[in-house]
Every structure is written in C-alpha cells, then in structure tokens.
C-alpha atoms as a PDB file:
ATOM      1  CA  MET A   1     105.588  94.349  79.319  1.00  0.00           C
ATOM      2  CA  ALA A   2     107.573  95.419  76.296  1.00  0.00           C
ATOM      3  CA  SER A   3     109.187  92.902  73.979  1.00  0.00           C
ATOM      4  CA  ALA A   4     112.510  91.562  75.204  1.00  0.00           C
ATOM      5  CA  LEU A   5     113.876  92.095  71.713  1.00  0.00           C
ATOM      6  CA  GLU A   6     113.238  95.829  72.058  1.00  0.00           C
ATOM      7  CA  THR A   7     114.336  96.482  75.641  1.00  0.00           C
ATOM      8  CA  LEU A   8     117.678  94.656  75.984  1.00  0.00           C
ATOM      9  CA  ASP A   9     120.852  95.277  74.031  1.00  0.00           C
ATOM     10  CA  PRO A  10     122.415  91.955  72.809  1.00  0.00           C
ATOM     11  CA  ASN A  11     125.594  92.752  74.710  1.00  0.00           C
ATOM     12  CA  ASP A  12     123.917  93.570  78.015  1.00  0.00           C
ATOM     13  CA  SER A  13     123.135  91.257  80.892  1.00  0.00           C
ATOM     14  CA  LEU A  14     120.636  91.397  83.729  1.00  0.00           C
ATOM     15  CA  THR A  15     120.375  90.229  87.330  1.00  0.00           C
ATOM     16  CA  VAL A  16     117.672  87.881  88.568  1.00  0.00           C
ATOM     17  CA  ALA A  17     115.793  90.850  90.099  1.00  0.00           C
ATOM     18  CA  ALA A  18     115.935  92.889  86.931  1.00  0.00           C
ATOM     19  CA  VAL A  19     114.647  90.017  84.814  1.00  0.00           C
ATOM     20  CA  ALA A  20     111.906  89.315  87.339  1.00  0.00           C
ATOM     21  CA  ARG A  21     110.711  92.934  87.127  1.00  0.00           C
ATOM     22  CA  LYS A  22     110.724  92.876  83.322  1.00  0.00           C
ATOM     23  CA  LEU A  23     108.713  89.645  83.170  1.00  0.00           C
ATOM     24  CA  GLY A  24     106.372  90.387  86.077  1.00  0.00           C
ATOM     25  CA  VAL A  25     107.243  87.247  88.016  1.00  0.00           C
ATOM     26  CA  ALA A  26     108.894  86.655  91.356  1.00  0.00           C
ATOM     27  CA  PRO A  27     112.693  85.993  91.528  1.00  0.00           C
ATOM     28  CA  SER A  28     111.806  82.690  93.222  1.00  0.00           C
ATOM     29  CA  THR A  29     109.884  81.657  90.147  1.00  0.00           C
ATOM     30  CA  LEU A  30     112.980  82.275  87.965  1.00  0.00           C
ATOM     31  CA  ARG A  31     115.111  80.184  90.330  1.00  0.00           C
ATOM     32  CA  THR A  32     112.502  77.401  90.248  1.00  0.00           C
ATOM     33  CA  TRP A  33     112.476  77.423  86.428  1.00  0.00           C
ATOM     34  CA  ASP A  34     116.279  77.271  86.437  1.00  0.00           C
ATOM     35  CA  ARG A  35     116.412  74.411  88.950  1.00  0.00           C
ATOM     36  CA  ARG A  36     113.460  72.439  87.631  1.00  0.00           C
ATOM     37  CA  TYR A  37     113.658  72.979  83.849  1.00  0.00           C
ATOM     38  CA  GLY A  38     117.203  74.243  83.220  1.00  0.00           C
ATOM     39  CA  LEU A  39     115.829  77.588  81.994  1.00  0.00           C
ATOM     40  CA  GLY A  40     118.409  79.814  83.621  1.00  0.00           C
ATOM     41  CA  PRO A  41     121.489  81.854  82.738  1.00  0.00           C
ATOM     42  CA  SER A  42     123.078  80.076  79.801  1.00  0.00           C
ATOM     43  CA  GLN A  43     126.606  81.256  80.637  1.00  0.00           C
ATOM     44  CA  HIS A  44     126.474  81.024  84.456  1.00  0.00           C
ATOM     45  CA  ARG A  45     129.673  79.933  86.133  1.00  0.00           C
ATOM     46  CA  VAL A  46     129.767  78.440  89.658  1.00  0.00           C
ATOM     47  CA  GLY A  47     130.799  81.070  92.203  1.00  0.00           C
ATOM     48  CA  THR A  48     129.601  84.042  90.188  1.00  0.00           C
ATOM     49  CA  HIS A  49     126.383  86.036  90.254  1.00  0.00           C
ATOM     50  CA  ARG A  50     123.662  84.929  87.911  1.00  0.00           C
ATOM     51  CA  ARG A  51     123.472  87.211  84.857  1.00  0.00           C
ATOM     52  CA  TYR A  52     120.886  86.741  82.120  1.00  0.00           C
ATOM     53  CA  SER A  53     121.768  87.503  78.514  1.00  0.00           C
ATOM     54  CA  ALA A  54     119.449  88.858  75.824  1.00  0.00           C
ATOM     55  CA  THR A  55     118.920  85.307  74.588  1.00  0.00           C
ATOM     56  CA  ASP A  56     118.087  84.101  78.106  1.00  0.00           C
ATOM     57  CA  LEU A  57     115.540  86.935  78.509  1.00  0.00           C
ATOM     58  CA  ILE A  58     113.856  86.156  75.219  1.00  0.00           C
ATOM     59  CA  ARG A  59     113.503  82.483  76.127  1.00  0.00           C
ATOM     60  CA  LEU A  60     112.116  83.395  79.547  1.00  0.00           C
ATOM     61  CA  THR A  61     109.664  85.820  77.920  1.00  0.00           C
ATOM     62  CA  ALA A  62     108.520  82.982  75.663  1.00  0.00           C
ATOM     63  CA  MET A  63     108.159  80.770  78.740  1.00  0.00           C
ATOM     64  CA  VAL A  64     105.905  83.333  80.451  1.00  0.00           C
ATOM     65  CA  ARG A  65     103.792  83.813  77.298  1.00  0.00           C
ATOM     66  CA  LEU A  66     103.364  80.059  76.820  1.00  0.00           C
ATOM     67  CA  VAL A  67     102.344  79.507  80.423  1.00  0.00           C
ATOM     68  CA  VAL A  68      99.837  82.380  80.193  1.00  0.00           C
ATOM     69  CA  ALA A  69      98.434  80.721  77.064  1.00  0.00           C
ATOM     70  CA  GLY A  70      97.718  77.532  78.988  1.00  0.00           C
ATOM     71  CA  VAL A  71     100.767  75.436  78.202  1.00  0.00           C
ATOM     72  CA  ALA A  72     102.008  73.335  81.127  1.00  0.00           C
ATOM     73  CA  PRO A  73     105.253  74.772  82.610  1.00  0.00           C
ATOM     74  CA  LYS A  74     107.282  71.667  81.715  1.00  0.00           C
ATOM     75  CA  ASP A  75     106.173  71.782  78.091  1.00  0.00           C
ATOM     76  CA  ALA A  76     106.528  75.594  77.966  1.00  0.00           C
ATOM     77  CA  ALA A  77     110.112  75.360  79.222  1.00  0.00           C
ATOM     78  CA  SER A  78     110.912  72.688  76.633  1.00  0.00           C
ATOM     79  CA  LYS A  79     109.612  74.857  73.834  1.00  0.00           C
ATOM     80  CA  ALA A  80     111.373  77.970  75.161  1.00  0.00           C
ATOM     81  CA  ILE A  81     114.733  76.176  75.425  1.00  0.00           C
ATOM     82  CA  LYS A  82     114.397  74.862  71.857  1.00  0.00           C
ATOM     83  CA  LEU A  83     113.701  78.353  70.408  1.00  0.00           C
ATOM     84  CA  ASN A  84     116.146  79.223  67.638  1.00  0.00           C
ATOM     85  CA  VAL A  85     116.680  82.787  68.780  1.00  0.00           C
ATOM     86  CA  GLN A  86     118.902  83.749  65.860  1.00  0.00           C
ATOM     87  CA  GLY A  87     116.916  82.099  63.094  1.00  0.00           C
ATOM     88  CA  ASN A  88     113.331  82.462  64.268  1.00  0.00           C
ATOM     89  CA  LYS A  89     113.040  86.176  65.083  1.00  0.00           C
ATOM     90  CA  GLU A  90     109.526  86.509  63.678  1.00  0.00           C
ATOM     91  CA  ALA A  91     108.164  83.675  65.807  1.00  0.00           C
ATOM     92  CA  ILE A  92     109.905  85.036  68.878  1.00  0.00           C
ATOM     93  CA  GLU A  93     108.506  88.522  68.359  1.00  0.00           C
ATOM     94  CA  LYS A  94     105.032  87.016  68.031  1.00  0.00           C
ATOM     95  CA  ILE A  95     105.403  85.200  71.331  1.00  0.00           C
ATOM     96  CA  CYS A  96     106.918  88.184  73.132  1.00  0.00           C
ATOM     97  CA  ARG A  97     104.697  90.916  71.685  1.00  0.00           C
ATOM     98  CA  VAL A  98     102.384  93.101  73.749  1.00  0.00           C
ATOM     99  CA  PRO A  99      99.038  93.939  72.102  1.00  0.00           C
ATOM    100  CA  GLU A 100      99.701  97.230  70.371  1.00  0.00           C
ATOM    101  CA  ASN A 101      96.304  98.786  71.046  1.00  0.00           C
ATOM    102  CA  GLN A 102      95.881  97.917  74.709  1.00  0.00           C
ATOM    103  CA  ALA A 103      95.977 101.607  75.798  1.00  0.00           C
ATOM    104  CA  ASP A 104      93.361 102.457  73.202  1.00  0.00           C
ATOM    105  CA  LEU A 105      91.244  99.516  74.302  1.00  0.00           C
ATOM    106  CA  VAL A 106      91.414 100.616  77.934  1.00  0.00           C
ATOM    107  CA  THR A 107      90.331 104.121  76.941  1.00  0.00           C
ATOM    108  CA  LEU A 108      87.500 102.786  74.787  1.00  0.00           C
ATOM    109  CA  LEU A 109      86.256 100.552  77.610  1.00  0.00           C
ATOM    110  CA  HIS A 110      86.433 103.472  80.096  1.00  0.00           C
ATOM    111  CA  ARG A 111      84.380 105.694  77.755  1.00  0.00           C
ATOM    112  CA  SER A 112      81.879 102.905  77.275  1.00  0.00           C
ATOM    113  CA  ALA A 113      81.630 102.450  81.021  1.00  0.00           C
ATOM    114  CA  LEU A 114      80.912 106.148  81.503  1.00  0.00           C
ATOM    115  CA  LYS A 115      77.972 105.697  79.064  1.00  0.00           C
ATOM    116  CA  PHE A 116      76.935 102.428  80.812  1.00  0.00           C
ATOM    117  CA  ASP A 117      77.173 100.646  77.457  1.00  0.00           C
ATOM    118  CA  GLN A 118      77.234  97.098  78.754  1.00  0.00           C
ATOM    119  CA  LEU A 119      76.828  95.372  75.374  1.00  0.00           C
ATOM    120  CA  LYS A 120      79.866  97.143  73.943  1.00  0.00           C
ATOM    121  CA  ILE A 121      81.957  96.503  77.068  1.00  0.00           C
ATOM    122  CA  GLU A 122      81.124  92.785  76.963  1.00  0.00           C
ATOM    123  CA  LYS A 123      81.863  92.542  73.247  1.00  0.00           C
ATOM    124  CA  LEU A 124      85.279  94.187  73.615  1.00  0.00           C
ATOM    125  CA  ILE A 125      86.299  92.119  76.617  1.00  0.00           C
ATOM    126  CA  ARG A 126      85.181  88.844  75.078  1.00  0.00           C
ATOM    127  CA  LYS A 127      87.112  89.661  71.905  1.00  0.00           C
ATOM    128  CA  SER A 128      90.270  90.304  73.947  1.00  0.00           C
ATOM    129  CA  ILE A 129      89.865  87.040  75.861  1.00  0.00           C
ATOM    130  CA  GLU A 130      89.386  85.164  72.606  1.00  0.00           C
ATOM    131  CA  GLU A 131      92.534  86.682  71.110  1.00  0.00           C
ATOM    132  CA  VAL A 132      95.008  86.666  73.985  1.00  0.00           C
ATOM    133  CA  GLY A 133      93.373  84.664  76.800  1.00  0.00           C
ATOM    134  CA  VAL A 134      91.996  85.501  80.216  1.00  0.00           C
ATOM    135  CA  GLU A 135      95.248  86.171  82.026  1.00  0.00           C
ATOM    136  CA  ALA A 136      96.675  88.578  79.426  1.00  0.00           C
ATOM    137  CA  THR A 137      93.308  90.355  79.205  1.00  0.00           C
ATOM    138  CA  TRP A 138      93.198  90.773  83.010  1.00  0.00           C
ATOM    139  CA  LEU A 139      96.801  91.974  83.329  1.00  0.00           C
ATOM    140  CA  GLU A 140      96.991  94.179  80.211  1.00  0.00           C
ATOM    141  CA  VAL A 141      93.422  95.494  79.891  1.00  0.00           C
ATOM    142  CA  LEU A 142      91.144  94.963  82.846  1.00  0.00           C
ATOM    143  CA  SER A 143      93.504  95.813  85.675  1.00  0.00           C
ATOM    144  CA  PRO A 144      94.605  99.088  83.996  1.00  0.00           C
ATOM    145  CA  LEU A 145      90.937  99.853  83.324  1.00  0.00           C
ATOM    146  CA  LEU A 146      89.949  99.368  86.952  1.00  0.00           C
ATOM    147  CA  ASN A 147      92.939 101.443  88.060  1.00  0.00           C
ATOM    148  CA  GLU A 148      91.923 104.272  85.702  1.00  0.00           C
ATOM    149  CA  VAL A 149      88.342 104.230  86.987  1.00  0.00           C
ATOM    150  CA  GLY A 150      89.530 104.105  90.620  1.00  0.00           C
ATOM    151  CA  ASP A 151      92.022 106.943  90.079  1.00  0.00           C
ATOM    152  CA  GLU A 152      89.293 109.157  88.613  1.00  0.00           C
ATOM    153  CA  TRP A 153      87.069 108.427  91.585  1.00  0.00           C
ATOM    154  CA  VAL A 154      89.850 109.353  94.040  1.00  0.00           C
ATOM    155  CA  ARG A 155      90.762 112.483  92.053  1.00  0.00           C
ATOM    156  CA  THR A 156      87.231 113.817  91.504  1.00  0.00           C
ATOM    157  CA  GLY A 157      85.084 112.149  94.104  1.00  0.00           C
ATOM    158  CA  ASN A 158      82.801 110.939  91.322  1.00  0.00           C
ATOM    159  CA  GLY A 159      82.450 107.619  89.496  1.00  0.00           C
ATOM    160  CA  ILE A 160      81.794 105.084  92.228  1.00  0.00           C
ATOM    161  CA  GLU A 161      78.744 103.954  90.235  1.00  0.00           C
ATOM    162  CA  VAL A 162      80.995 103.290  87.202  1.00  0.00           C
ATOM    163  CA  GLU A 163      83.300 101.107  89.260  1.00  0.00           C
ATOM    164  CA  HIS A 164      80.385  99.059  90.584  1.00  0.00           C
ATOM    165  CA  PHE A 165      78.909  98.778  87.084  1.00  0.00           C
ATOM    166  CA  LEU A 166      82.185  97.533  85.632  1.00  0.00           C
ATOM    167  CA  SER A 167      82.866  95.139  88.489  1.00  0.00           C
ATOM    168  CA  GLU A 168      79.555  93.390  87.989  1.00  0.00           C
ATOM    169  CA  ILE A 169      80.180  93.014  84.251  1.00  0.00           C
ATOM    170  CA  LEU A 170      83.663  91.593  84.861  1.00  0.00           C
ATOM    171  CA  LYS A 171      82.357  89.146  87.482  1.00  0.00           C
ATOM    172  CA  LYS A 172      79.770  87.969  84.995  1.00  0.00           C
ATOM    173  CA  ILE A 173      82.257  87.353  82.176  1.00  0.00           C
ATOM    174  CA  LEU A 174      85.018  85.870  84.369  1.00  0.00           C
ATOM    175  CA  SER A 175      82.581  83.522  86.124  1.00  0.00           C
ATOM    176  CA  GLU A 176      80.980  82.060  82.987  1.00  0.00           C
ATOM    177  CA  ASN A 177      83.197  78.998  82.708  1.00  0.00           C
ATOM    178  CA  LEU A 178      83.590  78.281  86.434  1.00  0.00           C
ATOM    179  CA  GLY A 179      82.373  74.813  87.257  1.00  0.00           C
ATOM    180  CA  LYS A 180      81.995  73.882  83.587  1.00  0.00           C
ATOM    181  CA  ILE A 181      85.286  72.041  82.933  1.00  0.00           C
ATOM    182  CA  ASP A 182      84.531  68.852  81.034  1.00  0.00           C
ATOM    183  CA  LYS A 183      87.807  66.981  81.667  1.00  0.00           C
ATOM    184  CA  PRO A 184      89.860  68.798  84.327  1.00  0.00           C
ATOM    185  CA  LYS A 185      93.571  68.103  84.536  1.00  0.00           C
ATOM    186  CA  ASN A 186      93.478  67.801  88.349  1.00  0.00           C
ATOM    187  CA  SER A 187      91.823  64.919  90.217  1.00  0.00           C
ATOM    188  CA  ARG A 188      91.206  67.094  93.325  1.00  0.00           C
ATOM    189  CA  PRO A 189      90.047  70.699  92.993  1.00  0.00           C
ATOM    190  CA  VAL A 190      92.020  73.701  94.155  1.00  0.00           C
ATOM    191  CA  LEU A 191      90.385  75.866  96.854  1.00  0.00           C
ATOM    192  CA  LEU A 192      90.057  79.610  96.278  1.00  0.00           C
ATOM    193  CA  ALA A 193      88.571  81.953  98.927  1.00  0.00           C
ATOM    194  CA  CYS A 194      88.685  85.467 100.300  1.00  0.00           C
ATOM    195  CA  VAL A 195      89.513  85.583 104.005  1.00  0.00           C
ATOM    196  CA  GLU A 196      86.783  86.407 106.461  1.00  0.00           C
ATOM    197  CA  ASN A 197      85.448  89.989 106.119  1.00  0.00           C
ATOM    198  CA  GLU A 198      87.223  90.524 102.760  1.00  0.00           C
ATOM    199  CA  LEU A 199      84.733  91.875 100.212  1.00  0.00           C
ATOM    200  CA  HIS A 200      87.018  92.455  97.209  1.00  0.00           C
ATOM    201  CA  SER A 201      86.785  89.179  95.339  1.00  0.00           C
ATOM    202  CA  LEU A 202      87.242  90.297  91.672  1.00  0.00           C
ATOM    203  CA  PRO A 203      91.010  89.445  91.469  1.00  0.00           C
ATOM    204  CA  LEU A 204      90.205  86.016  92.925  1.00  0.00           C
ATOM    205  CA  THR A 205      87.490  85.581  90.275  1.00  0.00           C
ATOM    206  CA  ALA A 206      90.128  86.402  87.634  1.00  0.00           C
ATOM    207  CA  LEU A 207      92.404  83.729  89.031  1.00  0.00           C
ATOM    208  CA  ALA A 208      89.554  81.197  88.946  1.00  0.00           C
ATOM    209  CA  ALA A 209      88.870  82.121  85.318  1.00  0.00           C
ATOM    210  CA  VAL A 210      92.523  81.754  84.394  1.00  0.00           C
ATOM    211  CA  LEU A 211      92.612  78.301  86.007  1.00  0.00           C
ATOM    212  CA  ALA A 212      89.369  77.308  84.280  1.00  0.00           C
ATOM    213  CA  GLU A 213      90.857  78.302  80.945  1.00  0.00           C
ATOM    214  CA  ALA A 214      93.733  75.924  81.723  1.00  0.00           C
ATOM    215  CA  ARG A 215      91.240  73.214  82.670  1.00  0.00           C
ATOM    216  CA  ILE A 216      92.122  73.357  86.362  1.00  0.00           C
ATOM    217  CA  GLU A 217      89.087  72.629  88.511  1.00  0.00           C
ATOM    218  CA  CYS A 218      88.489  74.848  91.546  1.00  0.00           C
ATOM    219  CA  ILE A 219      86.157  75.192  94.498  1.00  0.00           C
ATOM    220  CA  PHE A 220      85.462  78.919  94.471  1.00  0.00           C
ATOM    221  CA  LEU A 221      84.067  80.253  97.743  1.00  0.00           C
ATOM    222  CA  GLY A 222      84.352  83.971  96.926  1.00  0.00           C
ATOM    223  CA  ALA A 223      84.104  86.930  99.277  1.00  0.00           C
ATOM    224  CA  ARG A 224      83.856  86.857 103.088  1.00  0.00           C
ATOM    225  CA  THR A 225      84.498  83.156 103.566  1.00  0.00           C
ATOM    226  CA  PRO A 226      84.229  82.137 107.223  1.00  0.00           C
ATOM    227  CA  GLN A 227      87.116  80.077 108.693  1.00  0.00           C
ATOM    228  CA  THR A 228      84.673  77.252 109.423  1.00  0.00           C
ATOM    229  CA  ALA A 229      83.585  77.090 105.767  1.00  0.00           C
ATOM    230  CA  ILE A 230      87.147  76.837 104.532  1.00  0.00           C
ATOM    231  CA  ASN A 231      88.031  74.222 107.120  1.00  0.00           C
ATOM    232  CA  GLN A 232      85.047  72.039 106.138  1.00  0.00           C
ATOM    233  CA  VAL A 233      85.995  72.218 102.459  1.00  0.00           C
ATOM    234  CA  VAL A 234      89.588  71.287 103.289  1.00  0.00           C
ATOM    235  CA  ILE A 235      88.500  68.273 105.312  1.00  0.00           C
ATOM    236  CA  LYS A 236      85.950  67.076 102.719  1.00  0.00           C
ATOM    237  CA  SER A 237      87.838  67.701  99.503  1.00  0.00           C
ATOM    238  CA  ALA A 238      91.567  67.622 100.502  1.00  0.00           C
ATOM    239  CA  PRO A 239      92.626  70.317  98.006  1.00  0.00           C
ATOM    240  CA  PRO A 240      96.217  70.116  96.744  1.00  0.00           C
ATOM    241  CA  ALA A 241      96.413  73.921  96.927  1.00  0.00           C
ATOM    242  CA  ILE A 242      94.595  76.609  98.952  1.00  0.00           C
ATOM    243  CA  PHE A 243      94.679  80.200  97.761  1.00  0.00           C
ATOM    244  CA  LEU A 244      93.548  82.889 100.249  1.00  0.00           C
ATOM    245  CA  TRP A 245      92.985  86.466  99.050  1.00  0.00           C
ATOM    246  CA  ALA A 246      93.193  89.606 101.269  1.00  0.00           C
ATOM    247  CA  GLN A 247      92.919  93.034  99.689  1.00  0.00           C
ATOM    248  CA  SER A 248      93.066  94.875 103.059  1.00  0.00           C
ATOM    249  CA  SER A 249      95.703  94.487 105.736  1.00  0.00           C
ATOM    250  CA  GLU A 250      92.922  94.577 108.309  1.00  0.00           C
ATOM    251  CA  ASN A 251      91.685  91.251 106.920  1.00  0.00           C
ATOM    252  CA  ALA A 252      95.081  89.577 106.516  1.00  0.00           C
ATOM    253  CA  ASP A 253      95.085  87.621 109.772  1.00  0.00           C
ATOM    254  CA  HIS A 254      97.707  84.865 109.742  1.00  0.00           C
ATOM    255  CA  ALA A 255      95.713  82.993 112.368  1.00  0.00           C
ATOM    256  CA  TYR A 256      93.510  82.135 109.384  1.00  0.00           C
ATOM    257  CA  VAL A 257      96.374  79.996 108.039  1.00  0.00           C
ATOM    258  CA  LYS A 258      97.342  78.473 111.355  1.00  0.00           C
ATOM    259  CA  GLU A 259      93.767  77.279 112.003  1.00  0.00           C
ATOM    260  CA  LEU A 260      93.511  75.341 108.779  1.00  0.00           C
ATOM    261  CA  PRO A 261      92.940  71.642 109.529  1.00  0.00           C
ATOM    262  CA  THR A 262      95.850  69.191 109.144  1.00  0.00           C
ATOM    263  CA  ILE A 263      95.391  66.772 106.248  1.00  0.00           C
ATOM    264  CA  ARG A 264      97.642  64.383 104.318  1.00  0.00           C
ATOM    265  CA  PRO A 265      99.046  65.133 101.863  1.00  0.00           C
ATOM    266  CA  ALA A 266      99.451  68.665 103.107  1.00  0.00           C
ATOM    267  CA  PRO A 267      98.166  71.284 100.653  1.00  0.00           C
ATOM    268  CA  LYS A 268     100.262  74.170  99.384  1.00  0.00           C
ATOM    269  CA  VAL A 269      98.927  77.321 101.040  1.00  0.00           C
ATOM    270  CA  LEU A 270      99.186  80.453  98.920  1.00  0.00           C
ATOM    271  CA  LEU A 271      98.453  84.012 100.101  1.00  0.00           C
ATOM    272  CA  GLY A 272      97.592  86.679  97.510  1.00  0.00           C
ATOM    273  CA  GLY A 273      96.653  90.331  97.694  1.00  0.00           C
ATOM    274  CA  PRO A 274      98.200  93.570  99.008  1.00  0.00           C
ATOM    275  CA  GLY A 275      96.807  92.892 102.492  1.00  0.00           C
ATOM    276  CA  TRP A 276      99.224  90.037 103.088  1.00  0.00           C
ATOM    277  CA  LYS A 277     102.238  92.056 101.923  1.00  0.00           C
ATOM    278  CA  SER A 278     101.866  94.475 104.823  1.00  0.00           C
ATOM    279  CA  THR A 279     101.979  91.567 107.293  1.00  0.00           C
ATOM    280  CA  LYS A 280     104.890  89.716 105.629  1.00  0.00           C
ATOM    281  CA  GLY A 281     106.815  89.496 108.892  1.00  0.00           C
ATOM    282  CA  LYS A 282     104.073  87.287 110.385  1.00  0.00           C
ATOM    283  CA  LEU A 283     104.138  84.851 107.466  1.00  0.00           C
ATOM    284  CA  SER A 284     103.634  81.254 108.532  1.00  0.00           C
ATOM    285  CA  SER A 285     106.267  78.727 107.457  1.00  0.00           C
ATOM    286  CA  GLN A 286     103.502  76.677 105.755  1.00  0.00           C
ATOM    287  CA  ALA A 287     102.381  79.538 103.510  1.00  0.00           C
ATOM    288  CA  VAL A 288     103.815  81.159 100.364  1.00  0.00           C
ATOM    289  CA  LEU A 289     103.285  84.893  99.619  1.00  0.00           C
ATOM    290  CA  ILE A 290     102.309  85.380  95.986  1.00  0.00           C
ATOM    291  CA  GLU A 291     103.280  88.514  94.021  1.00  0.00           C
ATOM    292  CA  GLY A 292     100.767  88.382  91.186  1.00  0.00           C
ATOM    293  CA  LEU A 293      98.416  86.418  88.957  1.00  0.00           C
ATOM    294  CA  ALA A 294     101.152  84.788  86.891  1.00  0.00           C
ATOM    295  CA  GLU A 295     102.980  83.534  89.963  1.00  0.00           C
ATOM    296  CA  ALA A 296      99.723  82.293  91.534  1.00  0.00           C
ATOM    297  CA  ARG A 297      98.990  80.255  88.428  1.00  0.00           C
ATOM    298  CA  GLU A 298     102.538  78.880  88.333  1.00  0.00           C
ATOM    299  CA  GLN A 299     102.516  77.910  92.017  1.00  0.00           C
ATOM    300  CA  ILE A 300      99.171  76.132  91.632  1.00  0.00           C
ATOM    301  CA  LEU A 301     100.393  74.228  88.598  1.00  0.00           C
ATOM    302  CA  GLN A 302     103.472  73.190  90.571  1.00  0.00           C
ATOM    303  CA  ALA A 303     101.250  71.993  93.449  1.00  0.00           C
ATOM    304  CA  LEU A 304      99.387  69.881  90.921  1.00  0.00           C
ATOM    305  CA  ALA A 305     102.637  68.617  89.385  1.00  0.00           C
ATOM    306  CA  LEU A 306     101.531  69.876  85.943  1.00  0.00           C
END
C-alpha cells in the first residue's frame, strides 16, 4: 500500500469502496470505524454520499498502521483523530510509509529459498518481524514471496520442493510464540481452525501469530479439524470468536457452521479464505465473511471488546 500522502491529491475525494481498496480493509470495517469511533468522512452531510478527503485517508491509514502494530482499535482511532495532519507531516509519513525495500527483500528470500539457505531465510524474516511486526511482514513480504514461488511452479512445473521448504520454515517462525502469552488480554481464548479436509493452514498460522503478538490467546487446532473436535472445544472453552479457514471451495461447507453447538454468550463466527468466497450465497446469518488478515484481526478484537 503506497503512502496516502503520495497517492491522493489534497483536492480529491474518495468513496468508501475506493478507500477500502487503498487501505486493504473491507468497506464494512470503515463504516464500523465511523460509527464506533467517529473516524469517518470529516465533511459528510446527511443525505449525501460519503466522500473521504485526503486528510480523512491519512488518518485512516494511520489507524490501520496502529492496529497492525498492536494498538487497540479504540486507542488507535483516538490517536488517528488527534493527528495534526498539517503540522506533523514527518510523523504521518512514518506511520503511513511502506518499507522501501520490500521487493528487494522478497527477491532475496526467493533466491535464498532456491539455495535452501534456511539460516539466511530465518534471519531475514525475523529481522522484518522485529522491525515492522508479524502482520506487515506477512502481508508485505511473505505473501508476495509465496505467490512468487507458486507462480514459478505453475509457469515451469518446477519448484514444488521450494514451496514445501519455505512453508515449513514459515510455520516454524510463526508458531514460536503460540501458547506462550504471559498475560493475555482476553479471559477466554479465541478458536482458530481449518475446516475438515482443509490442508492449507499457513494463513491461519499467520493469523494466530498476529494475535499472539497482540497478546490475544488462541486455541489453534490447525489443518483438517474434524467437526467433532471443534464442537468439543466450543463446549468446553466457550470462545468469544471462532475463525474457520477454507482455502478450497470444496472444503467450504456451510453445514460446518450450522452444526456448531449453541452456547451463551454466542461467539462471533468468522469465515476466512478464498474457499468461502465462492460459496458466499450460502452464508449463514450467524457468520461473517472476512476479506483479509487485517479485517480478521479487527473483527476478533471487536468480539473481545478490545
């Protein structure tokens, strides 16, 4: 995501959908931030379409960056609203900036993967996480890296071994802090699981790592979680939020949601992954379809009232 200061003329304005695309969040998230925190169009008039100004976009960009960094949404919104956009340009640019060398880093990691240089890969990824956090590293470095490796495999028919090699390294790094939160912010853990028969658990591991970084405790069940296992965890732990991942549409069975046990208070059920998108018309009224990692994190924080 490029800096808002660089991509929007001060005299321009943007729709909710356009701002959502620029920030990588769902339009519903923007509406929630407007309703809950007052972080909406500053010059909106009743009866007119919502249009965001350059100042609004900068503040929203700051909001996203602060949330990614681990700041609670309420506190992030407070800081974003208080930004002196005209008099604090340097601070705003720092918050809104994208790491300049991310493309170079992706290339370097890819070359290291081709050489199976695990030590170098781990060193580079850990440095990125230390500097910008787990979520930014996943979105800006690791996802593009995996896409590049996958594209090469599709294009040439070679490189499946590189993808497996990288995936195992990423699982190792992302899983290191799971279950090690000293003082979690939530009294009841969030439940994360892949639906039955779903093998692709790496994005779910990334979400678990992002939550761990924010001191949110999770019960992480990983790939190919049977319905009975999820139901037992729900009954025994009463999670405030349940996140179900489906990479493939073949595994995105909405009966999975309908068969969850009824508990009080009812948990927020979140569905993530491209598999669910292809079955959107069958979405249960008790579930929310998530567009990406940032929205997943935001929805979970909302469920925890953080």
